[in-house]
Protein backbone atom coordinates (compact mmCIF):
# COMPACT_ATOMS: atom_id res chain seq x y z
CA MET A 1 55.35 -283.83 84.49
CA GLN A 2 55.16 -286.25 87.40
CA THR A 3 52.08 -288.36 88.05
CA SER A 4 50.78 -290.08 91.18
CA ASN A 5 48.60 -293.22 91.09
CA LYS A 6 46.72 -292.45 94.31
CA TYR A 7 45.19 -289.00 94.28
CA ILE A 8 44.45 -287.42 97.67
CA GLU A 9 41.70 -284.80 97.69
CA PHE A 10 42.82 -281.74 99.66
CA LYS A 11 39.68 -279.65 99.27
CA LYS A 12 37.41 -281.38 101.75
CA GLN A 13 36.52 -281.33 105.44
CA ARG A 14 38.51 -283.60 107.73
CA GLU A 15 38.58 -284.61 111.37
CA LEU A 16 41.83 -284.52 113.36
CA GLY A 17 42.63 -288.17 112.65
CA ASP A 18 41.97 -287.72 108.93
CA ILE A 19 44.30 -284.72 108.75
CA LEU A 20 47.12 -286.74 110.30
CA SER A 21 46.55 -289.90 108.26
CA ASP A 22 46.12 -288.03 104.96
CA SER A 23 49.23 -285.92 105.60
CA PHE A 24 51.35 -289.05 106.02
CA ALA A 25 49.57 -290.75 103.10
CA PHE A 26 50.37 -287.80 100.83
CA ILE A 27 54.06 -287.84 101.82
CA ARG A 28 54.21 -291.62 101.37
CA ASN A 29 52.51 -291.58 97.95
CA GLU A 30 54.51 -288.61 96.65
CA PHE A 31 57.76 -289.42 98.45
CA LYS A 32 60.15 -289.62 95.48
CA PRO A 33 58.88 -286.70 93.32
CA PHE A 34 58.11 -284.63 96.42
CA PHE A 35 61.57 -284.82 97.97
CA ARG A 36 63.28 -284.72 94.58
CA THR A 37 61.58 -281.37 93.94
CA ILE A 38 62.61 -280.10 97.39
CA ILE A 39 66.23 -281.14 96.85
CA LYS A 40 66.36 -279.52 93.40
CA ILE A 41 65.01 -276.17 94.61
CA VAL A 42 66.15 -275.99 98.23
CA GLY A 43 69.15 -278.35 98.17
CA PRO A 44 71.87 -275.73 97.52
CA TYR A 45 70.50 -273.50 100.28
CA ILE A 46 70.31 -276.44 102.71
CA LEU A 47 73.96 -277.23 101.92
CA VAL A 48 75.03 -273.64 102.60
CA MET A 49 73.02 -273.67 105.85
CA LEU A 50 74.70 -276.89 107.04
CA ILE A 51 78.18 -275.61 106.15
CA SER A 52 77.41 -272.35 107.96
CA MET A 53 76.24 -274.26 111.00
CA GLY A 54 79.44 -276.32 111.05
CA PHE A 55 81.55 -273.16 110.76
CA TYR A 56 79.53 -271.49 113.52
CA MET A 57 79.97 -274.45 115.88
CA TYR A 58 83.70 -274.52 115.13
CA THR A 59 84.03 -270.85 116.11
CA ILE A 60 82.10 -271.63 119.32
CA GLY A 61 84.70 -274.31 120.00
CA ASP A 62 87.48 -271.74 119.64
CA ILE A 63 85.79 -269.59 122.30
CA PHE A 64 85.87 -272.57 124.69
CA ASN A 65 89.55 -273.11 123.91
CA LEU A 66 90.37 -269.46 124.53
CA GLY A 67 88.38 -269.40 127.77
CA MET A 68 89.74 -272.62 129.32
CA VAL A 69 93.24 -272.94 127.95
CA GLY A 70 94.23 -269.41 127.10
CA ASN A 71 95.09 -267.78 123.80
CA THR A 72 96.23 -270.34 121.27
CA PRO A 73 98.26 -269.29 118.21
CA ASP A 74 96.37 -271.59 115.84
CA SER A 75 92.91 -270.37 116.88
CA LEU A 76 90.73 -268.95 114.11
CA TYR A 77 88.53 -267.05 116.55
CA SER A 78 88.02 -263.33 116.19
CA PRO A 79 84.95 -261.13 116.76
CA ILE A 80 84.72 -260.48 113.00
CA ILE A 81 84.81 -264.18 112.11
CA MET A 82 82.23 -264.87 114.83
CA MET A 83 79.88 -262.22 113.41
CA LEU A 84 80.36 -263.58 109.89
CA ALA A 85 79.56 -267.09 111.10
CA ILE A 86 76.36 -265.90 112.83
CA ALA A 87 75.29 -263.84 109.80
CA ALA A 88 75.95 -266.71 107.38
CA LEU A 89 73.98 -269.15 109.53
CA MET A 90 71.08 -266.73 110.02
CA PHE A 91 70.63 -265.74 106.36
CA SER A 92 71.17 -269.24 104.97
CA SER A 93 68.68 -270.68 107.48
CA ILE A 94 66.04 -268.07 106.60
CA ALA A 95 66.51 -268.71 102.87
CA ALA A 96 66.40 -272.50 103.30
CA TYR A 97 63.30 -272.53 105.51
CA VAL A 98 61.37 -270.00 103.40
CA LEU A 99 62.19 -271.84 100.16
CA ALA A 100 61.27 -275.18 101.75
CA GLN A 101 57.94 -273.78 102.87
CA GLY A 102 57.31 -272.27 99.45
CA THR A 103 58.27 -275.51 97.70
CA VAL A 104 55.94 -277.64 99.83
CA LEU A 105 53.00 -275.28 99.33
CA HIS A 106 53.52 -274.81 95.60
CA TYR A 107 54.06 -278.54 95.12
CA ILE A 108 50.67 -279.17 96.75
CA LYS A 109 49.14 -276.39 94.66
CA SER A 110 50.48 -277.94 91.44
CA TYR A 111 49.32 -281.36 92.64
CA ILE A 112 45.78 -280.06 93.15
CA ASN A 113 45.62 -278.04 89.92
CA ASN A 114 46.82 -281.00 87.84
CA GLN A 115 44.74 -283.65 89.62
CA GLY A 116 47.64 -285.61 91.07
CA SER A 117 50.35 -284.55 88.62
CA THR A 118 53.02 -281.94 89.30
CA ASN A 119 54.93 -279.60 87.02
CA PHE A 120 58.45 -278.76 88.23
CA ASP A 121 58.80 -275.53 86.23
CA GLU A 122 55.45 -274.33 87.55
CA ILE A 123 56.51 -275.12 91.13
CA ARG A 124 59.90 -273.45 90.81
CA GLN A 125 58.39 -270.32 89.25
CA GLY A 126 55.80 -270.13 92.02
CA VAL A 127 58.41 -270.59 94.78
CA TYR A 128 60.71 -267.83 93.58
CA GLY A 129 57.75 -265.59 92.72
CA SER A 130 56.40 -265.76 96.28
CA PHE A 131 59.79 -265.71 98.07
CA TRP A 132 59.72 -262.10 99.25
CA SER A 133 56.03 -262.25 100.16
CA LEU A 134 56.74 -265.29 102.34
CA ILE A 135 59.69 -263.45 103.91
CA GLY A 136 57.50 -260.44 104.70
CA LEU A 137 54.74 -262.62 106.11
CA GLY A 138 57.30 -264.56 108.15
CA ILE A 139 58.53 -261.31 109.71
CA LEU A 140 54.97 -260.28 110.58
CA VAL A 141 54.18 -263.68 112.07
CA GLY A 142 57.46 -263.90 113.96
CA LEU A 143 57.14 -260.44 115.48
CA SER A 144 53.50 -261.02 116.46
CA VAL A 145 54.17 -264.34 118.19
CA PHE A 146 57.33 -262.98 119.85
CA ILE A 147 55.58 -259.88 121.22
CA GLY A 148 52.62 -261.99 122.33
CA ALA A 149 54.94 -264.40 124.15
CA LEU A 150 56.75 -261.49 125.84
CA PHE A 151 53.62 -260.36 127.68
CA CYS A 152 52.61 -263.90 128.53
CA LEU A 153 53.04 -267.29 126.91
CA ILE A 154 49.30 -267.70 126.31
CA PRO A 155 48.90 -264.71 123.89
CA GLY A 156 51.86 -266.03 121.91
CA ILE A 157 50.24 -269.46 121.58
CA TYR A 158 46.88 -267.89 120.74
CA LEU A 159 48.43 -265.92 117.88
CA ALA A 160 50.63 -268.77 116.64
CA VAL A 161 47.65 -271.06 115.92
CA PRO A 162 45.82 -268.92 113.29
CA LEU A 163 49.05 -267.46 111.90
CA SER A 164 50.40 -270.94 111.20
CA ILE A 165 47.98 -271.21 108.26
CA SER A 166 48.66 -267.71 106.93
CA PHE A 167 51.41 -269.02 104.62
CA ALA A 168 48.98 -271.47 103.02
CA ILE A 169 46.50 -268.61 102.56
CA LEU A 170 49.17 -266.56 100.76
CA VAL A 171 49.93 -269.36 98.28
CA PHE A 172 46.56 -271.05 97.74
CA LEU A 173 44.33 -267.94 97.83
CA LYS A 174 46.92 -265.66 96.17
CA LYS A 175 46.63 -262.96 98.83
CA ASP A 176 49.46 -260.61 99.81
CA ALA A 177 51.28 -260.83 103.14
CA MET A 178 49.02 -258.43 105.06
CA GLU A 179 45.79 -259.91 103.66
CA SER A 180 46.99 -263.42 104.51
CA TYR A 181 47.85 -262.29 108.03
CA GLN A 182 44.40 -260.79 108.59
CA TYR A 183 42.39 -263.52 106.85
CA SER A 184 43.96 -266.27 108.98
CA PHE A 185 42.01 -264.96 112.01
CA THR A 186 38.77 -264.89 109.99
CA LEU A 187 39.27 -268.41 108.69
CA ILE A 188 40.04 -269.97 112.07
CA LYS A 189 37.14 -268.30 113.88
CA GLU A 190 35.14 -270.87 115.92
CA ASN A 191 37.72 -273.56 115.07
CA TRP A 192 40.65 -272.43 117.22
CA TRP A 193 40.61 -275.33 119.67
CA ILE A 194 40.46 -278.13 117.09
CA THR A 195 43.20 -276.41 115.09
CA PHE A 196 45.33 -276.06 118.21
CA ALA A 197 44.81 -279.76 119.06
CA THR A 198 45.79 -280.82 115.54
CA LEU A 199 48.89 -278.64 115.46
CA PHE A 200 49.87 -279.82 118.94
CA VAL A 201 49.64 -283.51 117.97
CA VAL A 202 51.65 -282.95 114.78
CA TYR A 203 54.24 -280.95 116.71
CA ILE A 204 54.62 -283.76 119.28
CA ILE A 205 55.13 -286.34 116.51
CA VAL A 206 57.72 -284.21 114.72
CA ALA A 207 59.47 -283.27 118.00
CA ILE A 208 59.79 -286.89 119.14
CA ALA A 209 61.13 -288.02 115.77
CA SER A 210 63.59 -285.10 115.67
CA TYR A 211 64.71 -285.83 119.23
CA ALA A 212 65.41 -289.44 118.30
CA PHE A 213 67.78 -288.33 115.54
CA SER A 214 69.52 -285.85 117.86
CA LEU A 215 70.34 -288.53 120.45
CA PRO A 216 73.54 -289.84 118.75
CA SER A 217 75.27 -286.44 118.97
CA ALA A 218 74.15 -286.01 122.61
CA ILE A 219 75.37 -289.50 123.57
CA TYR A 220 78.69 -288.91 121.81
CA MET A 221 79.10 -285.61 123.69
CA TRP A 222 78.41 -287.32 127.04
CA ILE A 223 80.93 -290.07 126.22
CA LYS A 224 83.52 -287.50 125.15
CA MET A 225 83.04 -285.53 128.37
CA GLY A 226 83.32 -288.68 130.49
CA VAL A 227 79.79 -288.52 131.90
CA PHE A 228 79.27 -292.29 131.71
CA SER A 229 82.74 -293.25 132.93
CA GLY A 230 82.70 -290.76 135.81
CA GLU A 231 86.08 -289.36 134.71
CA MET A 232 85.03 -285.87 133.70
CA ASP A 233 87.83 -283.65 132.46
CA ALA A 234 87.47 -279.91 131.80
CA GLU A 235 89.68 -280.22 128.71
CA ASN A 236 87.10 -282.55 127.14
CA PHE A 237 84.17 -280.18 127.73
CA ASN A 238 84.74 -278.59 124.34
CA VAL A 239 83.46 -281.03 121.72
CA PHE A 240 82.54 -278.38 119.16
CA ASN A 241 85.84 -278.81 117.32
CA ASP A 242 85.45 -282.59 117.22
CA PRO A 243 84.81 -283.70 113.58
CA ILE A 244 82.58 -286.61 114.65
CA TYR A 245 80.43 -284.38 116.87
CA LEU A 246 80.17 -281.77 114.10
CA PHE A 247 79.14 -284.45 111.59
CA LEU A 248 76.48 -285.93 113.92
CA ASN A 249 75.04 -282.47 114.58
CA ILE A 250 74.91 -281.62 110.89
CA VAL A 251 73.10 -284.89 110.12
CA SER A 252 70.70 -284.23 113.02
CA THR A 253 69.98 -280.72 111.75
CA LEU A 254 69.32 -282.02 108.24
CA VAL A 255 66.87 -284.64 109.51
CA GLN A 256 65.08 -282.08 111.70
CA PHE A 257 64.82 -279.77 108.69
CA LEU A 258 63.25 -282.51 106.59
CA MET A 259 60.95 -283.57 109.44
CA ASN A 260 59.55 -280.04 109.46
CA ILE A 261 58.05 -280.85 106.05
CA ILE A 262 55.49 -283.09 107.80
CA PHE A 263 54.34 -280.05 109.76
CA LEU A 264 54.03 -277.97 106.56
CA VAL A 265 51.91 -280.63 104.83
CA ALA A 266 49.67 -280.89 107.89
CA THR A 267 49.11 -277.11 108.02
CA SER A 268 48.06 -277.26 104.36
CA MET A 269 45.51 -279.95 105.23
CA ILE A 270 44.29 -277.79 108.12
CA PHE A 271 43.92 -274.78 105.82
CA PHE A 272 41.80 -276.69 103.29
CA ASN A 273 39.69 -278.16 106.09
CA LEU A 274 38.95 -274.69 107.50
CA ASN A 275 38.43 -273.17 104.05
CA GLU A 276 35.98 -275.92 103.15
CA LYS A 277 34.00 -275.40 106.35
CA LYS A 278 33.71 -271.68 105.65
CA ASN A 279 33.59 -271.38 101.85
CA PHE A 280 32.71 -274.88 100.52
CA THR A 281 35.16 -274.32 97.67
CA GLY A 282 35.84 -278.00 97.00
CA THR A 283 32.15 -278.91 97.26
CA PHE A 284 31.16 -276.30 94.67
CA GLU A 285 33.96 -277.45 92.35
CA ARG A 286 32.84 -281.09 92.58
CA ILE A 287 29.23 -280.09 91.88
CA GLU A 288 30.39 -278.05 88.89
CA ASN A 289 32.46 -280.95 87.58
CA LEU A 290 29.48 -283.29 87.95
CA GLY A 291 27.39 -280.84 85.93
CA LYS A 292 30.00 -280.77 83.17
CA SER A 293 30.22 -284.56 83.14
CA SER A 294 26.45 -284.96 82.81
CA GLU A 295 26.36 -282.47 79.92
CA GLU A 296 29.02 -284.43 78.09
């Protein structure tokens, strides 16, 4: 059992600024137990994802070598290996992101249920218990946003805003994938614009921070290709087989993955804000607790 000294109430209404400040406050207060839980549950899958990404980039490098230099006897490239690399990266990424999302949501759920304390076994059981439901909901959300974006970008954005909280609905309200999908539109009704503004601000913060950590690999690539020196050489265009470039990209991917956690915490805050406006769940609970306290 892990305990926090500063309890942050999730079940209350918040303005945009409060959602942002409380999201960062929660991560700051719970930093060690929060990320320790994520590493314990998601760590092995993150490691497999990063290894798969490195292998995928290396096979991409072999394609460059084959295209610019000609067939090389020591090349590992083959269509089968390429397909295996893509499949490994795709499945490991899906598993890592779904488990990370489940871990964040169930950590917050345990935090709320235990008034600032968290139970690792409870979190782990909840994450693995909701894994396939989160996968199914992710497919529904992904297809909906993709189809909406195909017709025009605006429908895709319109759908993405309510559906972003559907995962929180699945975990916190214990609904199935389809019910969570449908209820997200009910919950966000009349609050679409403020939700969009909040998500947009959080996205900008996360994107800028992620971009900052991706700069070293981009700068190294430019140096390797001779962009700064003005001595560009076609043989140096392939940096995918370069160990330093691979390492910098893997570190950048890891940081971007962890930065996404900020977005997940913020969507949880948004869910509770919308749920409180519609259902007053937290208000009724506080009134009930006051009644119990007065009786005692």
